[in-house]
Amino acid sequence: MAKGTSAHPGEAPPSALDELLDAERKIAARAAEVAVECQALVTAAHADAATISRDGEAALEREVAGLRAAAADARDAAVRAIDEQAERQARRYRSLAPAELGRFAEVIAARVTGLGGLPGDGGGP
């Protein structure tokens, strides 16, 4: 309704107080609409945050699973390499002549016991 005009012919125009009350009612109605819109935005933000959190957790679980698999593969490869090296050493020791094998046994015994007597160390008995 235009300012200074009445709702019906022959009526007095609304007072300034009536116009102020009408404006306050409109502001209150708009504030209520905005509050509802804000609550909807907050609800949507919470849902988005929950989705992002779940997606992040799933990605982290996949990453950890990949790292565990890589670690298991690396451990298996290391064990295979150690086993292969042990087999090569065993073949080498089996191919030694008895005299060489005896010399190695003396060296190992001297190192384990710390009693010296190693060939070339000058610390024999």
PDB file of N, CA and C in Angstrom:
ATOM      1  N   MET A   1       0.854  -1.150   0.000  1.00  0.00           N
ATOM      2  CA  MET A   1       0.000   0.000   0.000  1.00  0.00           C
ATOM      3  C   MET A   1       0.898   1.209   0.000  1.00  0.00           C
ATOM      4  N   ALA A   2       0.578   2.194  -0.804  1.00  0.00           N
ATOM      5  CA  ALA A   2       1.400   3.392  -0.932  1.00  0.00           C
ATOM      6  C   ALA A   2       1.223   4.260   0.290  1.00  0.00           C
ATOM      7  N   LYS A   3       2.281   4.972   0.620  1.00  0.00           N
ATOM      8  CA  LYS A   3       2.263   5.833   1.791  1.00  0.00           C
ATOM      9  C   LYS A   3       1.231   6.948   1.578  1.00  0.00           C
ATOM     10  N   GLY A   4       0.453   7.187   2.605  1.00  0.00           N
ATOM     11  CA  GLY A   4      -0.520   8.262   2.544  1.00  0.00           C
ATOM     12  C   GLY A   4      -1.832   7.864   1.887  1.00  0.00           C
ATOM     13  N   THR A   5      -1.974   6.593   1.505  1.00  0.00           N
ATOM     14  CA  THR A   5      -3.238   6.159   0.902  1.00  0.00           C
ATOM     15  C   THR A   5      -3.892   5.186   1.858  1.00  0.00           C
ATOM     16  N   SER A   6      -5.185   5.123   1.802  1.00  0.00           N
ATOM     17  CA  SER A   6      -5.897   4.215   2.690  1.00  0.00           C
ATOM     18  C   SER A   6      -6.180   2.920   1.962  1.00  0.00           C
ATOM     19  N   ALA A   7      -6.476   1.911   2.744  1.00  0.00           N
ATOM     20  CA  ALA A   7      -6.786   0.622   2.165  1.00  0.00           C
ATOM     21  C   ALA A   7      -8.149   0.669   1.494  1.00  0.00           C
ATOM     22  N   HIS A   8      -9.025   1.424   1.985  1.00  0.00           N
ATOM     23  CA  HIS A   8     -10.372   1.531   1.435  1.00  0.00           C
ATOM     24  C   HIS A   8     -10.695   3.013   1.240  1.00  0.00           C
ATOM     25  N   PRO A   9     -11.487   3.317   0.206  1.00  0.00           N
ATOM     26  CA  PRO A   9     -11.853   4.729  -0.005  1.00  0.00           C
ATOM     27  C   PRO A   9     -12.640   5.265   1.192  1.00  0.00           C
ATOM     28  N   GLY A  10     -12.300   6.433   1.588  1.00  0.00           N
ATOM     29  CA  GLY A  10     -12.973   7.089   2.694  1.00  0.00           C
ATOM     30  C   GLY A  10     -12.308   6.829   4.031  1.00  0.00           C
ATOM     31  N   GLU A  11     -11.342   5.935   4.093  1.00  0.00           N
ATOM     32  CA  GLU A  11     -10.627   5.672   5.350  1.00  0.00           C
ATOM     33  C   GLU A  11      -9.450   6.618   5.455  1.00  0.00           C
ATOM     34  N   ALA A  12      -9.028   6.830   6.673  1.00  0.00           N
ATOM     35  CA  ALA A  12      -7.856   7.681   6.912  1.00  0.00           C
ATOM     36  C   ALA A  12      -6.597   6.882   6.571  1.00  0.00           C
ATOM     37  N   PRO A  13      -5.562   7.560   6.083  1.00  0.00           N
ATOM     38  CA  PRO A  13      -4.316   6.850   5.788  1.00  0.00           C
ATOM     39  C   PRO A  13      -3.702   6.285   7.074  1.00  0.00           C
ATOM     40  N   PRO A  14      -2.901   5.198   6.938  1.00  0.00           N
ATOM     41  CA  PRO A  14      -2.310   4.605   8.143  1.00  0.00           C
ATOM     42  C   PRO A  14      -1.361   5.596   8.814  1.00  0.00           C
ATOM     43  N   SER A  15      -1.307   5.472  10.110  1.00  0.00           N
ATOM     44  CA  SER A  15      -0.421   6.362  10.865  1.00  0.00           C
ATOM     45  C   SER A  15       1.023   5.877  10.732  1.00  0.00           C
ATOM     46  N   ALA A  16       1.940   6.726  11.142  1.00  0.00           N
ATOM     47  CA  ALA A  16       3.367   6.358  11.111  1.00  0.00           C
ATOM     48  C   ALA A  16       3.618   5.147  11.994  1.00  0.00           C
ATOM     49  N   LEU A  17       2.907   5.056  13.118  1.00  0.00           N
ATOM     50  CA  LEU A  17       3.047   3.909  14.025  1.00  0.00           C
ATOM     51  C   LEU A  17       2.576   2.632  13.340  1.00  0.00           C
ATOM     52  N   ASP A  18       1.450   2.721  12.626  1.00  0.00           N
ATOM     53  CA  ASP A  18       0.953   1.547  11.902  1.00  0.00           C
ATOM     54  C   ASP A  18       1.958   1.114  10.835  1.00  0.00           C
ATOM     55  N   GLU A  19       2.526   2.066  10.131  1.00  0.00           N
ATOM     56  CA  GLU A  19       3.526   1.742   9.112  1.00  0.00           C
ATOM     57  C   GLU A  19       4.770   1.115   9.746  1.00  0.00           C
ATOM     58  N   LEU A  20       5.186   1.633  10.906  1.00  0.00           N
ATOM     59  CA  LEU A  20       6.351   1.071  11.610  1.00  0.00           C
ATOM     60  C   LEU A  20       6.065  -0.351  12.072  1.00  0.00           C
ATOM     61  N   LEU A  21       4.891  -0.588  12.616  1.00  0.00           N
ATOM     62  CA  LEU A  21       4.513  -1.936  13.053  1.00  0.00           C
ATOM     63  C   LEU A  21       4.465  -2.896  11.859  1.00  0.00           C
ATOM     64  N   ASP A  22       3.928  -2.424  10.743  1.00  0.00           N
ATOM     65  CA  ASP A  22       3.873  -3.250   9.537  1.00  0.00           C
ATOM     66  C   ASP A  22       5.292  -3.595   9.070  1.00  0.00           C
ATOM     67  N   ALA A  23       6.171  -2.607   9.084  1.00  0.00           N
ATOM     68  CA  ALA A  23       7.562  -2.844   8.680  1.00  0.00           C
ATOM     69  C   ALA A  23       8.233  -3.832   9.624  1.00  0.00           C
ATOM     70  N   GLU A  24       7.977  -3.709  10.927  1.00  0.00           N
ATOM     71  CA  GLU A  24       8.556  -4.640  11.903  1.00  0.00           C
ATOM     72  C   GLU A  24       8.048  -6.056  11.677  1.00  0.00           C
ATOM     73  N   ARG A  25       6.767  -6.198  11.355  1.00  0.00           N
ATOM     74  CA  ARG A  25       6.212  -7.538  11.074  1.00  0.00           C
ATOM     75  C   ARG A  25       6.898  -8.145   9.847  1.00  0.00           C
ATOM     76  N   LYS A  26       7.087  -7.326   8.821  1.00  0.00           N
ATOM     77  CA  LYS A  26       7.757  -7.816   7.605  1.00  0.00           C
ATOM     78  C   LYS A  26       9.208  -8.207   7.902  1.00  0.00           C
ATOM     79  N   ILE A  27       9.882  -7.385   8.710  1.00  0.00           N
ATOM     80  CA  ILE A  27      11.275  -7.695   9.084  1.00  0.00           C
ATOM     81  C   ILE A  27      11.319  -8.985   9.897  1.00  0.00           C
ATOM     82  N   ALA A  28      10.399  -9.146  10.838  1.00  0.00           N
ATOM     83  CA  ALA A  28      10.358 -10.363  11.658  1.00  0.00           C
ATOM     84  C   ALA A  28      10.084 -11.591  10.791  1.00  0.00           C
ATOM     85  N   ALA A  29       9.169 -11.458   9.831  1.00  0.00           N
ATOM     86  CA  ALA A  29       8.872 -12.584   8.932  1.00  0.00           C
ATOM     87  C   ALA A  29      10.104 -12.940   8.104  1.00  0.00           C
ATOM     88  N   ARG A  30      10.772 -11.905   7.599  1.00  0.00           N
ATOM     89  CA  ARG A  30      11.993 -12.169   6.791  1.00  0.00           C
ATOM     90  C   ARG A  30      13.089 -12.774   7.662  1.00  0.00           C
ATOM     91  N   ALA A  31      13.218 -12.301   8.914  1.00  0.00           N
ATOM     92  CA  ALA A  31      14.218 -12.858   9.838  1.00  0.00           C
ATOM     93  C   ALA A  31      13.927 -14.339  10.100  1.00  0.00           C
ATOM     94  N   ALA A  32      12.663 -14.699  10.243  1.00  0.00           N
ATOM     95  CA  ALA A  32      12.294 -16.101  10.449  1.00  0.00           C
ATOM     96  C   ALA A  32      12.646 -16.934   9.219  1.00  0.00           C
ATOM     97  N   GLU A  33      12.394 -16.379   8.022  1.00  0.00           N
ATOM     98  CA  GLU A  33      12.761 -17.084   6.787  1.00  0.00           C
ATOM     99  C   GLU A  33      14.276 -17.288   6.716  1.00  0.00           C
ATOM    100  N   VAL A  34      15.029 -16.244   7.058  1.00  0.00           N
ATOM    101  CA  VAL A  34      16.493 -16.334   7.023  1.00  0.00           C
ATOM    102  C   VAL A  34      16.983 -17.355   8.041  1.00  0.00           C
ATOM    103  N   ALA A  35      16.369 -17.402   9.220  1.00  0.00           N
ATOM    104  CA  ALA A  35      16.761 -18.382  10.234  1.00  0.00           C
ATOM    105  C   ALA A  35      16.560 -19.804   9.720  1.00  0.00           C
ATOM    106  N   VAL A  36      15.447 -20.035   9.035  1.00  0.00           N
ATOM    107  CA  VAL A  36      15.183 -21.358   8.459  1.00  0.00           C
ATOM    108  C   VAL A  36      16.226 -21.679   7.384  1.00  0.00           C
ATOM    109  N   GLU A  37      16.533 -20.703   6.535  1.00  0.00           N
ATOM    110  CA  GLU A  37      17.547 -20.909   5.491  1.00  0.00           C
ATOM    111  C   GLU A  37      18.914 -21.190   6.108  1.00  0.00           C
ATOM    112  N   CYS A  38      19.247 -20.455   7.169  1.00  0.00           N
ATOM    113  CA  CYS A  38      20.539 -20.670   7.845  1.00  0.00           C
ATOM    114  C   CYS A  38      20.601 -22.075   8.434  1.00  0.00           C
ATOM    115  N   GLN A  39      19.516 -22.512   9.059  1.00  0.00           N
ATOM    116  CA  GLN A  39      19.507 -23.859   9.633  1.00  0.00           C
ATOM    117  C   GLN A  39      19.681 -24.913   8.542  1.00  0.00           C
ATOM    118  N   ALA A  40      19.062 -24.683   7.400  1.00  0.00           N
ATOM    119  CA  ALA A  40      19.223 -25.619   6.280  1.00  0.00           C
ATOM    120  C   ALA A  40      20.674 -25.641   5.810  1.00  0.00           C
ATOM    121  N   LEU A  41      21.303 -24.463   5.751  1.00  0.00           N
ATOM    122  CA  LEU A  41      22.714 -24.402   5.348  1.00  0.00           C
ATOM    123  C   LEU A  41      23.613 -25.113   6.365  1.00  0.00           C
ATOM    124  N   VAL A  42      23.341 -24.910   7.648  1.00  0.00           N
ATOM    125  CA  VAL A  42      24.128 -25.569   8.694  1.00  0.00           C
ATOM    126  C   VAL A  42      23.963 -27.092   8.603  1.00  0.00           C
ATOM    127  N   THR A  43      22.742 -27.537   8.393  1.00  0.00           N
ATOM    128  CA  THR A  43      22.479 -28.975   8.260  1.00  0.00           C
ATOM    129  C   THR A  43      23.227 -29.542   7.048  1.00  0.00           C
ATOM    130  N   ALA A  44      23.171 -28.825   5.935  1.00  0.00           N
ATOM    131  CA  ALA A  44      23.888 -29.276   4.735  1.00  0.00           C
ATOM    132  C   ALA A  44      25.399 -29.282   4.968  1.00  0.00           C
ATOM    133  N   ALA A  45      25.905 -28.276   5.685  1.00  0.00           N
ATOM    134  CA  ALA A  45      27.347 -28.219   5.979  1.00  0.00           C
ATOM    135  C   ALA A  45      27.762 -29.394   6.855  1.00  0.00           C
ATOM    136  N   HIS A  46      26.943 -29.732   7.841  1.00  0.00           N
ATOM    137  CA  HIS A  46      27.243 -30.901   8.688  1.00  0.00           C
ATOM    138  C   HIS A  46      27.260 -32.186   7.859  1.00  0.00           C
ATOM    139  N   ALA A  47      26.301 -32.322   6.977  1.00  0.00           N
ATOM    140  CA  ALA A  47      26.251 -33.516   6.125  1.00  0.00           C
ATOM    141  C   ALA A  47      27.483 -33.574   5.218  1.00  0.00           C
ATOM    142  N   ASP A  48      27.853 -32.427   4.642  1.00  0.00           N
ATOM    143  CA  ASP A  48      29.050 -32.391   3.791  1.00  0.00           C
ATOM    144  C   ASP A  48      30.302 -32.738   4.591  1.00  0.00           C
ATOM    145  N   ALA A  49      30.402 -32.196   5.807  1.00  0.00           N
ATOM    146  CA  ALA A  49      31.568 -32.481   6.651  1.00  0.00           C
ATOM    147  C   ALA A  49      31.638 -33.969   6.990  1.00  0.00           C
ATOM    148  N   ALA A  50      30.499 -34.568   7.269  1.00  0.00           N
ATOM    149  CA  ALA A  50      30.473 -36.011   7.570  1.00  0.00           C
ATOM    150  C   ALA A  50      30.908 -36.817   6.352  1.00  0.00           C
ATOM    151  N   THR A  51      30.452 -36.413   5.175  1.00  0.00           N
ATOM    152  CA  THR A  51      30.851 -37.107   3.943  1.00  0.00           C
ATOM    153  C   THR A  51      32.343 -36.967   3.704  1.00  0.00           C
ATOM    154  N   ILE A  52      32.864 -35.765   3.874  1.00  0.00           N
ATOM    155  CA  ILE A  52      34.302 -35.530   3.686  1.00  0.00           C
ATOM    156  C   ILE A  52      35.101 -36.365   4.686  1.00  0.00           C
ATOM    157  N   SER A  53      34.624 -36.425   5.911  1.00  0.00           N
ATOM    158  CA  SER A  53      35.312 -37.209   6.941  1.00  0.00           C
ATOM    159  C   SER A  53      35.321 -38.697   6.581  1.00  0.00           C
ATOM    160  N   ARG A  54      34.162 -39.206   6.151  1.00  0.00           N
ATOM    161  CA  ARG A  54      34.099 -40.632   5.760  1.00  0.00           C
ATOM    162  C   ARG A  54      35.000 -40.905   4.563  1.00  0.00           C
ATOM    163  N   ASP A  55      34.975 -40.000   3.573  1.00  0.00           N
ATOM    164  CA  ASP A  55      35.822 -40.187   2.390  1.00  0.00           C
ATOM    165  C   ASP A  55      37.298 -40.151   2.764  1.00  0.00           C
ATOM    166  N   GLY A  56      37.651 -39.226   3.660  1.00  0.00           N
ATOM    167  CA  GLY A  56      39.039 -39.137   4.109  1.00  0.00           C
ATOM    168  C   GLY A  56      39.470 -40.379   4.871  1.00  0.00           C
ATOM    169  N   GLU A  57      38.593 -40.867   5.712  1.00  0.00           N
ATOM    170  CA  GLU A  57      38.897 -42.077   6.473  1.00  0.00           C
ATOM    171  C   GLU A  57      39.077 -43.274   5.528  1.00  0.00           C
ATOM    172  N   ALA A  58      38.210 -43.376   4.551  1.00  0.00           N
ATOM    173  CA  ALA A  58      38.319 -44.477   3.588  1.00  0.00           C
ATOM    174  C   ALA A  58      39.617 -44.369   2.790  1.00  0.00           C
ATOM    175  N   ALA A  59      39.970 -43.154   2.390  1.00  0.00           N
ATOM    176  CA  ALA A  59      41.221 -42.962   1.645  1.00  0.00           C
ATOM    177  C   ALA A  59      42.420 -43.316   2.519  1.00  0.00           C
ATOM    178  N   LEU A  60      42.366 -42.929   3.778  1.00  0.00           N
ATOM    179  CA  LEU A  60      43.459 -43.253   4.698  1.00  0.00           C
ATOM    180  C   LEU A  60      43.564 -44.767   4.901  1.00  0.00           C
ATOM    181  N   GLU A  61      42.437 -45.433   5.036  1.00  0.00           N
ATOM    182  CA  GLU A  61      42.450 -46.889   5.188  1.00  0.00           C
ATOM    183  C   GLU A  61      43.047 -47.559   3.947  1.00  0.00           C
ATOM    184  N   ARG A  62      42.703 -47.036   2.753  1.00  0.00           N
ATOM    185  CA  ARG A  62      43.289 -47.595   1.532  1.00  0.00           C
ATOM    186  C   ARG A  62      44.795 -47.358   1.498  1.00  0.00           C
ATOM    187  N   GLU A  63      45.217 -46.178   1.910  1.00  0.00           N
ATOM    188  CA  GLU A  63      46.646 -45.854   1.925  1.00  0.00           C
ATOM    189  C   GLU A  63      47.402 -46.753   2.896  1.00  0.00           C
ATOM    190  N   VAL A  64      46.844 -46.947   4.088  1.00  0.00           N
ATOM    191  CA  VAL A  64      47.477 -47.810   5.085  1.00  0.00           C
ATOM    192  C   VAL A  64      47.537 -49.246   4.569  1.00  0.00           C
ATOM    193  N   ALA A  65      46.473 -49.703   3.938  1.00  0.00           N
ATOM    194  CA  ALA A  65      46.469 -51.065   3.385  1.00  0.00           C
ATOM    195  C   ALA A  65      47.539 -51.200   2.306  1.00  0.00           C
ATOM    196  N   GLY A  66      47.684 -50.177   1.473  1.00  0.00           N
ATOM    197  CA  GLY A  66      48.720 -50.205   0.440  1.00  0.00           C
ATOM    198  C   GLY A  66      50.113 -50.226   1.049  1.00  0.00           C
ATOM    199  N   LEU A  67      50.313 -49.433   2.095  1.00  0.00           N
ATOM    200  CA  LEU A  67      51.620 -49.418   2.764  1.00  0.00           C
ATOM    201  C   LEU A  67      51.918 -50.754   3.441  1.00  0.00           C
ATOM    202  N   ARG A  68      50.884 -51.341   4.042  1.00  0.00           N
ATOM    203  CA  ARG A  68      51.082 -52.661   4.674  1.00  0.00           C
ATOM    204  C   ARG A  68      51.447 -53.704   3.622  1.00  0.00           C
ATOM    205  N   ALA A  69      50.773 -53.657   2.484  1.00  0.00           N
ATOM    206  CA  ALA A  69      51.072 -54.613   1.410  1.00  0.00           C
ATOM    207  C   ALA A  69      52.492 -54.397   0.891  1.00  0.00           C
ATOM    208  N   ALA A  70      52.883 -53.128   0.717  1.00  0.00           N
ATOM    209  CA  ALA A  70      54.242 -52.837   0.245  1.00  0.00           C
ATOM    210  C   ALA A  70      55.274 -53.303   1.269  1.00  0.00           C
ATOM    211  N   ALA A  71      54.985 -53.092   2.555  1.00  0.00           N
ATOM    212  CA  ALA A  71      55.909 -53.536   3.604  1.00  0.00           C
ATOM    213  C   ALA A  71      56.022 -55.061   3.611  1.00  0.00           C
ATOM    214  N   ALA A  72      54.899 -55.737   3.435  1.00  0.00           N
ATOM    215  CA  ALA A  72      54.921 -57.204   3.397  1.00  0.00           C
ATOM    216  C   ALA A  72      55.722 -57.690   2.185  1.00  0.00           C
ATOM    217  N   ASP A  73      55.531 -57.035   1.050  1.00  0.00           N
ATOM    218  CA  ASP A  73      56.293 -57.407  -0.148  1.00  0.00           C
ATOM    219  C   ASP A  73      57.780 -57.183   0.062  1.00  0.00           C
ATOM    220  N   ALA A  74      58.133 -56.036   0.667  1.00  0.00           N
ATOM    221  CA  ALA A  74      59.553 -55.739   0.918  1.00  0.00           C
ATOM    222  C   ALA A  74      60.141 -56.739   1.909  1.00  0.00           C
ATOM    223  N   ARG A  75      59.377 -57.074   2.947  1.00  0.00           N
ATOM    224  CA  ARG A  75      59.843 -58.049   3.935  1.00  0.00           C
ATOM    225  C   ARG A  75      60.039 -59.413   3.267  1.00  0.00           C
ATOM    226  N   ASP A  76      59.084 -59.822   2.440  1.00  0.00           N
ATOM    227  CA  ASP A  76      59.214 -61.100   1.731  1.00  0.00           C
ATOM    228  C   ASP A  76      60.432 -61.103   0.814  1.00  0.00           C
ATOM    229  N   ALA A  77      60.668 -60.000   0.131  1.00  0.00           N
ATOM    230  CA  ALA A  77      61.833 -59.909  -0.757  1.00  0.00           C
ATOM    231  C   ALA A  77      63.121 -59.982   0.051  1.00  0.00           C
ATOM    232  N   ALA A  78      63.141 -59.319   1.211  1.00  0.00           N
ATOM    233  CA  ALA A  78      64.342 -59.369   2.051  1.00  0.00           C
ATOM    234  C   ALA A  78      64.578 -60.783   2.571  1.00  0.00           C
ATOM    235  N   VAL A  79      63.528 -61.453   2.981  1.00  0.00           N
ATOM    236  CA  VAL A  79      63.666 -62.836   3.469  1.00  0.00           C
ATOM    237  C   VAL A  79      64.166 -63.744   2.345  1.00  0.00           C
ATOM    238  N   ARG A  80      63.614 -63.552   1.141  1.00  0.00           N
ATOM    239  CA  ARG A  80      64.086 -64.354  -0.002  1.00  0.00           C
ATOM    240  C   ARG A  80      65.568 -64.098  -0.268  1.00  0.00           C
ATOM    241  N   ALA A  81      65.966 -62.818  -0.215  1.00  0.00           N
ATOM    242  CA  ALA A  81      67.375 -62.476  -0.460  1.00  0.00           C
ATOM    243  C   ALA A  81      68.273 -63.097   0.607  1.00  0.00           C
ATOM    244  N   ILE A  82      67.848 -63.059   1.854  1.00  0.00           N
ATOM    245  CA  ILE A  82      68.638 -63.669   2.939  1.00  0.00           C
ATOM    246  C   ILE A  82      68.721 -65.183   2.743  1.00  0.00           C
ATOM    247  N   ASP A  83      67.587 -65.785   2.394  1.00  0.00           N
ATOM    248  CA  ASP A  83      67.577 -67.239   2.159  1.00  0.00           C
ATOM    249  C   ASP A  83      68.506 -67.610   1.003  1.00  0.00           C
ATOM    250  N   GLU A  84      68.458 -66.811  -0.068  1.00  0.00           N
ATOM    251  CA  GLU A  84      69.330 -67.090  -1.216  1.00  0.00           C
ATOM    252  C   GLU A  84      70.800 -66.929  -0.835  1.00  0.00           C
ATOM    253  N   GLN A  85      71.119 -65.892  -0.070  1.00  0.00           N
ATOM    254  CA  GLN A  85      72.498 -65.685   0.376  1.00  0.00           C
ATOM    255  C   GLN A  85      72.940 -66.825   1.286  1.00  0.00           C
ATOM    256  N   ALA A  86      72.062 -67.270   2.172  1.00  0.00           N
ATOM    257  CA  ALA A  86      72.388 -68.380   3.067  1.00  0.00           C
ATOM    258  C   ALA A  86      72.643 -69.654   2.256  1.00  0.00           C
ATOM    259  N   GLU A  87      71.807 -69.866   1.247  1.00  0.00           N
ATOM    260  CA  GLU A  87      72.007 -71.051   0.403  1.00  0.00           C
ATOM    261  C   GLU A  87      73.343 -70.982  -0.332  1.00  0.00           C
ATOM    262  N   ARG A  88      73.697 -69.787  -0.851  1.00  0.00           N
ATOM    263  CA  ARG A  88      74.999 -69.632  -1.527  1.00  0.00           C
ATOM    264  C   ARG A  88      76.144 -69.891  -0.558  1.00  0.00           C
ATOM    265  N   GLN A  89      76.031 -69.361   0.665  1.00  0.00           N
ATOM    266  CA  GLN A  89      77.077 -69.586   1.670  1.00  0.00           C
ATOM    267  C   GLN A  89      77.186 -71.072   1.999  1.00  0.00           C
ATOM    268  N   ALA A  90      76.034 -71.720   2.154  1.00  0.00           N
ATOM    269  CA  ALA A  90      76.052 -73.152   2.482  1.00  0.00           C
ATOM    270  C   ALA A  90      76.706 -73.942   1.360  1.00  0.00           C
ATOM    271  N   ARG A  91      76.388 -73.624   0.107  1.00  0.00           N
ATOM    272  CA  ARG A  91      77.025 -74.321  -1.022  1.00  0.00           C
ATOM    273  C   ARG A  91      78.531 -74.070  -1.020  1.00  0.00           C
ATOM    274  N   ARG A  92      78.918 -72.824  -0.721  1.00  0.00           N
ATOM    275  CA  ARG A  92      80.348 -72.480  -0.704  1.00  0.00           C
ATOM    276  C   ARG A  92      81.069 -73.281   0.379  1.00  0.00           C
ATOM    277  N   TYR A  93      80.487 -73.310   1.584  1.00  0.00           N
ATOM    278  CA  TYR A  93      81.142 -74.044   2.672  1.00  0.00           C
ATOM    279  C   TYR A  93      81.180 -75.547   2.393  1.00  0.00           C
ATOM    280  N   ARG A  94      80.143 -76.063   1.732  1.00  0.00           N
ATOM    281  CA  ARG A  94      80.147 -77.493   1.389  1.00  0.00           C
ATOM    282  C   ARG A  94      81.230 -77.820   0.357  1.00  0.00           C
ATOM    283  N   SER A  95      81.596 -76.825  -0.438  1.00  0.00           N
ATOM    284  CA  SER A  95      82.593 -77.074  -1.482  1.00  0.00           C
ATOM    285  C   SER A  95      84.028 -76.915  -0.970  1.00  0.00           C
ATOM    286  N   LEU A  96      84.202 -76.467   0.271  1.00  0.00           N
ATOM    287  CA  LEU A  96      85.550 -76.264   0.808  1.00  0.00           C
ATOM    288  C   LEU A  96      86.232 -77.599   1.115  1.00  0.00           C
ATOM    289  N   ALA A  97      87.517 -77.592   0.968  1.00  0.00           N
ATOM    290  CA  ALA A  97      88.313 -78.767   1.360  1.00  0.00           C
ATOM    291  C   ALA A  97      88.310 -78.846   2.878  1.00  0.00           C
ATOM    292  N   PRO A  98      88.476 -80.018   3.427  1.00  0.00           N
ATOM    293  CA  PRO A  98      88.452 -80.172   4.886  1.00  0.00           C
ATOM    294  C   PRO A  98      89.457 -79.257   5.597  1.00  0.00           C
ATOM    295  N   ALA A  99      90.641 -79.034   5.022  1.00  0.00           N
ATOM    296  CA  ALA A  99      91.635 -78.186   5.674  1.00  0.00           C
ATOM    297  C   ALA A  99      91.140 -76.736   5.739  1.00  0.00           C
ATOM    298  N   GLU A 100      90.525 -76.257   4.645  1.00  0.00           N
ATOM    299  CA  GLU A 100      90.002 -74.887   4.645  1.00  0.00           C
ATOM    300  C   GLU A 100      88.843 -74.758   5.633  1.00  0.00           C
ATOM    301  N   LEU A 101      88.025 -75.768   5.697  1.00  0.00           N
ATOM    302  CA  LEU A 101      86.902 -75.759   6.617  1.00  0.00           C
ATOM    303  C   LEU A 101      87.388 -75.715   8.064  1.00  0.00           C
ATOM    304  N   GLY A 102      88.423 -76.459   8.351  1.00  0.00           N
ATOM    305  CA  GLY A 102      89.015 -76.439   9.694  1.00  0.00           C
ATOM    306  C   GLY A 102      89.558 -75.064  10.032  1.00  0.00           C
ATOM    307  N   ARG A 103      90.212 -74.402   9.055  1.00  0.00           N
ATOM    308  CA  ARG A 103      90.760 -73.061   9.295  1.00  0.00           C
ATOM    309  C   ARG A 103      89.633 -72.074   9.589  1.00  0.00           C
ATOM    310  N   PHE A 104      88.544 -72.145   8.820  1.00  0.00           N
ATOM    311  CA  PHE A 104      87.399 -71.267   9.074  1.00  0.00           C
ATOM    312  C   PHE A 104      86.809 -71.531  10.461  1.00  0.00           C
ATOM    313  N   ALA A 105      86.731 -72.775  10.854  1.00  0.00           N
ATOM    314  CA  ALA A 105      86.198 -73.118  12.180  1.00  0.00           C
ATOM    315  C   ALA A 105      87.065 -72.505  13.266  1.00  0.00           C
ATOM    316  N   GLU A 106      88.379 -72.529  13.087  1.00  0.00           N
ATOM    317  CA  GLU A 106      89.286 -71.922  14.081  1.00  0.00           C
ATOM    318  C   GLU A 106      89.070 -70.408  14.158  1.00  0.00           C
ATOM    319  N   VAL A 107      88.937 -69.766  13.015  1.00  0.00           N
ATOM    320  CA  VAL A 107      88.725 -68.319  12.982  1.00  0.00           C
ATOM    321  C   VAL A 107      87.425 -67.965  13.691  1.00  0.00           C
ATOM    322  N   ILE A 108      86.363 -68.685  13.396  1.00  0.00           N
ATOM    323  CA  ILE A 108      85.067 -68.410  14.015  1.00  0.00           C
ATOM    324  C   ILE A 108      85.136 -68.639  15.516  1.00  0.00           C
ATOM    325  N   ALA A 109      85.768 -69.728  15.943  1.00  0.00           N
ATOM    326  CA  ALA A 109      85.890 -70.012  17.378  1.00  0.00           C
ATOM    327  C   ALA A 109      86.681 -68.914  18.073  1.00  0.00           C
ATOM    328  N   ALA A 110      87.749 -68.435  17.445  1.00  0.00           N
ATOM    329  CA  ALA A 110      88.545 -67.368  18.047  1.00  0.00           C
ATOM    330  C   ALA A 110      87.734 -66.076  18.159  1.00  0.00           C
ATOM    331  N   ARG A 111      86.956 -65.763  17.155  1.00  0.00           N
ATOM    332  CA  ARG A 111      86.143 -64.541  17.203  1.00  0.00           C
ATOM    333  C   ARG A 111      85.035 -64.649  18.244  1.00  0.00           C
ATOM    334  N   VAL A 112      84.415 -65.789  18.333  1.00  0.00           N
ATOM    335  CA  VAL A 112      83.324 -65.976  19.289  1.00  0.00           C
ATOM    336  C   VAL A 112      83.843 -65.938  20.715  1.00  0.00           C
ATOM    337  N   THR A 113      84.953 -66.603  20.966  1.00  0.00           N
ATOM    338  CA  THR A 113      85.477 -66.669  22.332  1.00  0.00           C
ATOM    339  C   THR A 113      86.324 -65.468  22.696  1.00  0.00           C
ATOM    340  N   GLY A 114      86.823 -64.752  21.679  1.00  0.00           N
ATOM    341  CA  GLY A 114      87.668 -63.598  21.942  1.00  0.00           C
ATOM    342  C   GLY A 114      89.063 -63.980  22.405  1.00  0.00           C
ATOM    343  N   LEU A 115      89.471 -65.199  22.160  1.00  0.00           N
ATOM    344  CA  LEU A 115      90.771 -65.673  22.631  1.00  0.00           C
ATOM    345  C   LEU A 115      91.902 -65.379  21.655  1.00  0.00           C
ATOM    346  N   GLY A 116      91.607 -64.709  20.573  1.00  0.00           N
ATOM    347  CA  GLY A 116      92.666 -64.375  19.642  1.00  0.00           C
ATOM    348  C   GLY A 116      93.120 -65.580  18.856  1.00  0.00           C
ATOM    349  N   GLY A 117      94.370 -65.543  18.451  1.00  0.00           N
ATOM    350  CA  GLY A 117      94.903 -66.661  17.693  1.00  0.00           C
ATOM    351  C   GLY A 117      94.454 -66.671  16.264  1.00  0.00           C
ATOM    352  N   LEU A 118      93.925 -65.536  15.755  1.00  0.00           N
ATOM    353  CA  LEU A 118      93.481 -65.490  14.397  1.00  0.00           C
ATOM    354  C   LEU A 118      94.694 -65.371  13.473  1.00  0.00           C
ATOM    355  N   PRO A 119      94.660 -66.027  12.360  1.00  0.00           N
ATOM    356  CA  PRO A 119      95.769 -65.932  11.415  1.00  0.00           C
ATOM    357  C   PRO A 119      95.978 -64.472  11.013  1.00  0.00           C
ATOM    358  N   GLY A 120      97.187 -63.985  11.168  1.00  0.00           N
ATOM    359  CA  GLY A 120      97.536 -62.655  10.735  1.00  0.00           C
ATOM    360  C   GLY A 120      97.222 -61.574  11.753  1.00  0.00           C
ATOM    361  N   ASP A 121      96.681 -61.908  12.939  1.00  0.00           N
ATOM    362  CA  ASP A 121      96.391 -60.830  13.882  1.00  0.00           C
ATOM    363  C   ASP A 121      97.499 -60.644  14.895  1.00  0.00           C
ATOM    364  N   GLY A 122      98.464 -61.498  14.911  1.00  0.00           N
ATOM    365  CA  GLY A 122      99.604 -61.357  15.808  1.00  0.00           C
ATOM    366  C   GLY A 122      99.257 -61.594  17.250  1.00  0.00           C
ATOM    367  N   GLY A 123      98.094 -62.077  17.533  1.00  0.00           N
ATOM    368  CA  GLY A 123      97.704 -62.253  18.941  1.00  0.00           C
ATOM    369  C   GLY A 123      97.534 -63.686  19.317  1.00  0.00           C
ATOM    370  N   GLY A 124      98.225 -64.603  18.719  1.00  0.00           N
ATOM    371  CA  GLY A 124      98.081 -66.016  19.016  1.00  0.00           C
ATOM    372  C   GLY A 124      98.751 -66.380  20.315  1.00  0.00           C
ATOM    373  N   PRO A 125      98.528 -67.607  20.830  1.00  0.00           N
ATOM    374  CA  PRO A 125      99.141 -68.066  22.078  1.00  0.00           C
ATOM    375  C   PRO A 125     100.616 -68.353  21.951  1.00  0.00           C
TER     376      PRO A 125
END
